[in-house]
Amino acid sequence: MSEEQLNRLLAEARGTAERLNKLNTFMAGYAFPKLPREDKDLLYSQSRAMSRYVQILGQRLERVGQQFTHAK
């Protein structure tokens, strides 16, 4: 993997993790419980999908010797 590809992968992992953190913060806030059930279900699904995506990006980084942790 070239350095440019690695940098893009790192940026993607960091950006996605940041958006996931923001989504999880929103879901832990006061407005989330007031949403209709269908919207909450969709946001839960989105959070799970984003979490899995961040895990996959982390695995790809590990394969090239880079550590990535998704921490808030």
Protein backbone atom coordinates (compact mmCIF):
# COMPACT_ATOMS: atom_id res chain seq x y z
CA MET A 1 0.00 0.00 0.00
CA SER A 2 1.41 3.38 -0.94
CA GLU A 3 1.77 6.18 1.58
CA GLU A 4 -0.99 8.10 -0.21
CA GLN A 5 -3.36 5.12 0.06
CA LEU A 6 -2.47 4.70 3.73
CA ASN A 7 -3.13 8.37 4.41
CA ARG A 8 -6.53 8.14 2.69
CA LEU A 9 -7.40 5.01 4.68
CA LEU A 10 -6.39 6.70 7.95
CA ALA A 11 -8.43 9.79 7.05
CA GLU A 12 -11.46 7.63 6.22
CA ALA A 13 -11.17 5.71 9.49
CA ARG A 14 -10.75 8.87 11.57
CA GLY A 15 -13.56 10.73 9.81
CA THR A 16 -15.99 7.84 10.07
CA ALA A 17 -15.11 7.28 13.74
CA GLU A 18 -15.68 10.98 14.41
CA ARG A 19 -19.10 10.91 12.71
CA LEU A 20 -19.98 7.75 14.62
CA ASN A 21 -19.04 9.42 17.91
CA LYS A 22 -21.26 12.38 17.03
CA LEU A 23 -24.15 10.07 16.16
CA ASN A 24 -23.74 8.13 19.42
CA THR A 25 -23.60 11.38 21.38
CA PHE A 26 -26.85 12.49 19.74
CA MET A 27 -28.45 9.14 20.50
CA ALA A 28 -27.47 9.50 24.17
CA GLY A 29 -28.95 12.99 24.35
CA TYR A 30 -32.32 14.36 25.33
CA ALA A 31 -33.77 14.73 21.81
CA PHE A 32 -33.31 11.13 20.69
CA PRO A 33 -36.01 9.56 22.91
CA LYS A 34 -38.54 12.03 21.49
CA LEU A 35 -38.07 10.79 17.92
CA PRO A 36 -40.61 8.47 16.29
CA ARG A 37 -39.83 4.77 16.75
CA GLU A 38 -39.03 4.26 13.05
CA ASP A 39 -36.45 7.07 13.09
CA LYS A 40 -34.81 5.67 16.22
CA ASP A 41 -34.67 2.21 14.65
CA LEU A 42 -33.01 3.64 11.55
CA LEU A 43 -30.45 5.54 13.64
CA TYR A 44 -29.67 2.38 15.62
CA SER A 45 -29.12 0.54 12.34
CA GLN A 46 -26.95 3.36 11.04
CA SER A 47 -24.85 3.31 14.20
CA ARG A 48 -24.31 -0.45 13.96
CA ALA A 49 -23.35 -0.22 10.28
CA MET A 50 -20.94 2.64 10.90
CA SER A 51 -19.40 0.78 13.82
CA ARG A 52 -18.81 -2.29 11.67
CA TYR A 53 -17.35 -0.10 8.92
CA VAL A 54 -14.89 1.48 11.37
CA GLN A 55 -13.92 -2.03 12.54
CA ILE A 56 -13.25 -3.09 8.95
CA LEU A 57 -11.15 0.00 8.29
CA GLY A 58 -9.22 -0.75 11.49
CA GLN A 59 -8.58 -4.31 10.34
CA ARG A 60 -7.29 -3.04 7.01
CA LEU A 61 -4.95 -0.68 8.83
CA GLU A 62 -3.70 -3.48 11.06
CA ARG A 63 -2.85 -5.54 7.98
CA VAL A 64 -0.36 -2.83 6.97
CA GLY A 65 1.06 -2.44 10.46
CA GLN A 66 -0.97 0.56 11.63
CA GLN A 67 -2.87 0.56 14.90
CA PHE A 68 -6.24 2.30 14.97
CA THR A 69 -8.55 2.49 17.92
CA HIS A 70 -11.99 3.98 17.86
CA ALA A 71 -12.16 5.77 21.16
CA LYS A 72 -14.35 8.63 22.15
